[in-house]
Amino acid sequence: MTYVEPIAHQVRLADGTIPSAHAVQERRLSDLRGLFLDLEAEAALVAHDPLIYRVYDAADLPKEDGHLLFSTTVIEPGRVGDEYFMTKGHFHARADRAELYYGLSGQGMLLLQTPDGRVESLPMVAGTAAYVPPYWGHRTVNTGDAPFVFLACYPADAGYDYGTIARDGFAGIVVAGADGPRVVPNPRFRAATRASTSA
C-alpha cells in the first residue's frame, strides 16, 4: 500500500488566502460572460473585466474515492446591473457527492438548485456551516460590500459539471432589492436535461 502523506495548510482568516496553495484560479467577468441576466450591464463592465472571484486550491491530492479536497473562495463585492457578483456555479460530475462550505468573512448566499429547477438559498456569514446535498447544483453570491470568503471541503472524486448551468442557466438569481438581497426567478432558465440520479 502507498500512503498519502498527511498535510496541513495555513488559511489566513483575514483574507481567505492560502499562502501555500497548490493553485490559485482567478475568474474575471469575461470568464462568466452570459451568466448574468443584464447583458447590457455586463457588456459595459466587461471592457474593464473586473475580478469576480479567486479560488485557492490547498493541495494536489489524488482525485480518487476516499480523499477529500479543500479550498477557499474569495468573491469580490460588486454587481452587474442589479445582480450580485457570484461564482459560475456547478453540479458535481459525480452527482451523488456532497460538499460542505464554512463562512470565514463577509456575507453572502449559497444558492442551490435541483436539475428540474427547485431553488433554495442559504444566507452565509463568518461561522456559517452550509451543507450541499448530493444532486444539487450550487453557486455562491457576495451580497455584502466586502469580500465574501468561505472554505469548501468535498470528495476528491466529485468533479465539476459547469456545462449544465452554462447551457441552461440557474433557476434563481440574487438581486439587490429595497430591503436587501432577494432571490428571484431567472427568466432565461430552462430545466436541465440531465438525469437527477446521474452518477
Protein backbone atom coordinates (compact mmCIF):
# COMPACT_ATOMS: atom_id res chain seq x y z
CA MET A 1 0.00 0.00 0.00
CA THR A 2 1.19 3.51 -0.82
CA TYR A 3 0.34 6.09 1.83
CA VAL A 4 -0.51 9.69 1.01
CA GLU A 5 1.33 11.94 3.43
CA PRO A 6 -0.73 13.96 5.95
CA ILE A 7 -0.75 17.70 5.23
CA ALA A 8 -1.60 20.96 6.94
CA HIS A 9 -2.05 24.36 5.29
CA GLN A 10 -2.49 27.73 6.91
CA VAL A 11 -5.65 29.59 5.90
CA ARG A 12 -5.38 33.32 6.53
CA LEU A 13 -8.69 34.12 8.15
CA ALA A 14 -8.31 37.85 7.48
CA ASP A 15 -8.48 37.48 3.71
CA GLY A 16 -9.12 33.80 2.95
CA THR A 17 -5.86 33.20 1.14
CA ILE A 18 -3.84 30.00 1.46
CA PRO A 19 -0.18 31.12 1.05
CA SER A 20 0.99 27.59 0.20
CA ALA A 21 -1.90 26.87 -2.17
CA HIS A 22 -1.18 24.32 -4.89
CA ALA A 23 -3.06 26.50 -7.40
CA VAL A 24 -4.94 29.80 -7.47
CA GLN A 25 -7.69 30.25 -10.05
CA GLU A 26 -8.93 33.71 -10.97
CA ARG A 27 -12.31 34.32 -12.56
CA ARG A 28 -12.98 37.66 -14.23
CA LEU A 29 -16.21 38.92 -15.71
CA SER A 30 -15.15 37.71 -19.15
CA ASP A 31 -14.98 34.16 -17.68
CA LEU A 32 -18.64 34.47 -16.63
CA ARG A 33 -19.86 36.05 -19.84
CA GLY A 34 -23.55 35.31 -20.43
CA LEU A 35 -24.27 34.13 -16.87
CA PHE A 36 -25.63 37.46 -15.63
CA LEU A 37 -29.15 38.44 -16.62
CA ASP A 38 -28.45 42.05 -17.61
CA LEU A 39 -26.36 41.60 -20.76
CA GLU A 40 -26.10 45.36 -21.39
CA ALA A 41 -24.65 45.98 -17.93
CA GLU A 42 -22.32 43.02 -18.46
CA ALA A 43 -21.11 44.42 -21.79
CA ALA A 44 -20.45 47.83 -20.21
CA LEU A 45 -18.37 46.28 -17.41
CA VAL A 46 -16.52 43.64 -19.39
CA ALA A 47 -14.31 46.27 -21.01
CA HIS A 48 -12.71 46.71 -17.57
CA ASP A 49 -13.00 42.95 -16.92
CA PRO A 50 -13.20 43.17 -13.11
CA LEU A 51 -12.01 40.32 -10.93
CA ILE A 52 -15.08 38.45 -9.66
CA TYR A 53 -13.50 35.73 -7.52
CA ARG A 54 -10.42 33.65 -6.71
CA VAL A 55 -10.19 30.01 -5.61
CA TYR A 56 -7.21 28.77 -3.58
CA ASP A 57 -6.78 25.00 -4.02
CA ALA A 58 -4.91 23.84 -0.94
CA ALA A 59 -3.18 20.70 -2.16
CA ASP A 60 -2.64 18.43 -5.14
CA LEU A 61 -4.25 15.29 -3.74
CA PRO A 62 -5.38 12.21 -5.71
CA LYS A 63 -8.79 12.76 -7.35
CA GLU A 64 -9.92 9.38 -6.03
CA ASP A 65 -12.65 7.96 -3.83
CA GLY A 66 -11.66 8.19 -0.18
CA HIS A 67 -9.80 11.50 -0.38
CA LEU A 68 -11.05 14.99 0.44
CA LEU A 69 -10.10 18.24 -1.25
CA PHE A 70 -10.37 21.64 0.36
CA SER A 71 -10.11 25.19 -0.91
CA THR A 72 -11.07 28.75 -0.11
CA THR A 73 -13.02 31.09 -2.36
CA VAL A 74 -12.87 34.88 -2.18
CA ILE A 75 -15.72 36.65 -4.01
CA GLU A 76 -15.28 40.37 -4.54
CA PRO A 77 -18.13 42.78 -3.79
CA GLY A 78 -19.97 44.26 -6.75
CA ARG A 79 -22.91 43.93 -9.09
CA VAL A 80 -23.68 43.50 -12.75
CA GLY A 81 -26.84 45.54 -13.08
CA ASP A 82 -28.89 44.55 -10.03
CA GLU A 83 -27.30 41.10 -9.78
CA TYR A 84 -24.55 40.48 -7.23
CA PHE A 85 -21.12 39.09 -8.12
CA MET A 86 -21.20 35.30 -7.96
CA THR A 87 -19.33 32.14 -8.85
CA LYS A 88 -20.05 30.29 -12.09
CA GLY A 89 -21.91 27.54 -10.28
CA HIS A 90 -21.78 23.83 -10.98
CA PHE A 91 -23.19 20.41 -10.39
CA HIS A 92 -20.77 17.67 -9.44
CA ALA A 93 -19.71 15.38 -12.27
CA ARG A 94 -20.41 12.56 -9.83
CA ALA A 95 -23.77 13.98 -8.85
CA ASP A 96 -24.17 11.87 -5.71
CA ARG A 97 -21.30 13.71 -3.99
CA ALA A 98 -21.98 16.27 -1.23
CA GLU A 99 -19.98 19.30 -0.13
CA LEU A 100 -19.53 21.46 2.98
CA TYR A 101 -18.99 25.23 2.99
CA TYR A 102 -17.83 27.22 6.02
CA GLY A 103 -18.06 31.01 6.06
CA LEU A 104 -14.87 32.82 7.06
CA SER A 105 -15.66 36.50 6.50
CA GLY A 106 -18.07 38.85 4.77
CA GLN A 107 -21.61 37.95 3.91
CA GLY A 108 -23.11 36.03 1.07
CA MET A 109 -25.58 33.44 -0.02
CA LEU A 110 -25.34 29.83 -1.08
CA LEU A 111 -27.78 29.34 -3.94
CA LEU A 112 -28.79 25.75 -4.73
CA GLN A 113 -31.00 24.10 -7.31
CA THR A 114 -32.16 20.66 -8.33
CA PRO A 115 -31.83 19.73 -12.01
CA ASP A 116 -35.55 20.37 -12.52
CA GLY A 117 -35.29 23.91 -11.15
CA ARG A 118 -36.23 23.82 -7.47
CA VAL A 119 -34.26 26.61 -5.76
CA GLU A 120 -33.11 27.01 -2.17
CA SER A 121 -30.96 29.78 -0.69
CA LEU A 122 -28.89 29.77 2.50
CA PRO A 123 -27.51 33.04 3.93
CA MET A 124 -23.86 32.79 4.98
CA VAL A 125 -21.65 34.86 7.27
CA ALA A 126 -18.50 34.07 9.24
CA GLY A 127 -19.14 30.86 11.19
CA THR A 128 -21.94 29.53 8.97
CA ALA A 129 -21.55 25.85 8.03
CA ALA A 130 -23.67 25.11 4.93
CA TYR A 131 -24.30 21.64 3.55
CA VAL A 132 -24.68 21.00 -0.19
CA PRO A 133 -26.54 17.68 -0.54
CA PRO A 134 -25.94 15.26 -3.41
CA TYR A 135 -27.55 16.13 -6.77
CA TRP A 136 -27.89 19.86 -6.05
CA GLY A 137 -26.23 22.43 -8.28
CA HIS A 138 -24.72 25.29 -6.32
CA ARG A 139 -23.18 28.72 -6.64
CA THR A 140 -22.19 31.35 -4.10
CA VAL A 141 -23.02 35.04 -4.19
CA ASN A 142 -21.45 38.01 -2.41
CA THR A 143 -24.34 40.07 -1.02
CA GLY A 144 -22.19 42.44 1.03
CA ASP A 145 -19.83 45.35 0.49
CA ALA A 146 -16.62 43.50 1.44
CA PRO A 147 -15.10 40.28 0.08
CA PHE A 148 -17.10 37.15 0.94
CA VAL A 149 -14.78 34.30 1.91
CA PHE A 150 -15.57 30.66 2.59
CA LEU A 151 -13.82 27.31 2.95
CA ALA A 152 -15.07 24.34 0.92
CA CYS A 153 -14.43 20.64 1.58
CA TYR A 154 -15.58 17.97 -0.87
CA PRO A 155 -14.86 14.42 -2.06
CA ALA A 156 -11.82 14.35 -4.31
CA ASP A 157 -13.63 12.36 -7.00
CA ALA A 158 -16.67 14.69 -7.17
CA GLY A 159 -15.50 16.57 -10.25
CA TYR A 160 -17.27 19.51 -11.86
CA ASP A 161 -20.09 19.92 -14.32
CA TYR A 162 -20.08 23.60 -15.32
CA GLY A 163 -21.69 22.91 -18.67
CA THR A 164 -25.25 22.32 -17.46
CA ILE A 165 -25.52 25.72 -15.78
CA ALA A 166 -23.67 27.47 -18.63
CA ARG A 167 -26.21 25.97 -21.04
CA ASP A 168 -29.44 26.10 -19.03
CA GLY A 169 -28.78 28.91 -16.55
CA PHE A 170 -29.55 28.88 -12.85
CA ALA A 171 -33.24 28.83 -11.90
CA GLY A 172 -32.85 31.65 -9.39
CA ILE A 173 -30.72 34.79 -9.32
CA VAL A 174 -29.84 37.09 -6.43
CA VAL A 175 -30.58 40.77 -6.99
CA ALA A 176 -30.45 43.92 -4.91
CA GLY A 177 -33.87 44.96 -3.60
CA ALA A 178 -35.20 47.80 -1.48
CA ASP A 179 -34.91 45.59 1.62
CA GLY A 180 -31.65 43.91 0.67
CA PRO A 181 -30.75 40.91 -1.48
CA ARG A 182 -33.56 38.73 -2.76
CA VAL A 183 -33.83 35.60 -4.87
CA VAL A 184 -36.00 35.93 -7.96
CA PRO A 185 -36.72 33.53 -10.84
CA ASN A 186 -34.29 33.65 -13.74
CA PRO A 187 -36.38 34.18 -16.90
CA ARG A 188 -33.61 32.65 -19.01
CA PHE A 189 -33.58 29.35 -17.09
CA ARG A 190 -34.63 26.16 -18.82
CA ALA A 191 -34.93 22.92 -16.88
CA ALA A 192 -31.79 20.86 -17.16
CA THR A 193 -31.87 17.81 -19.38
CA ARG A 194 -29.53 15.78 -17.20
CA ALA A 195 -30.98 12.98 -15.09
CA SER A 196 -31.15 13.87 -11.42
CA THR A 197 -29.73 10.46 -10.49
CA SER A 198 -26.71 10.52 -12.81
CA ALA A 199 -23.50 9.23 -11.21
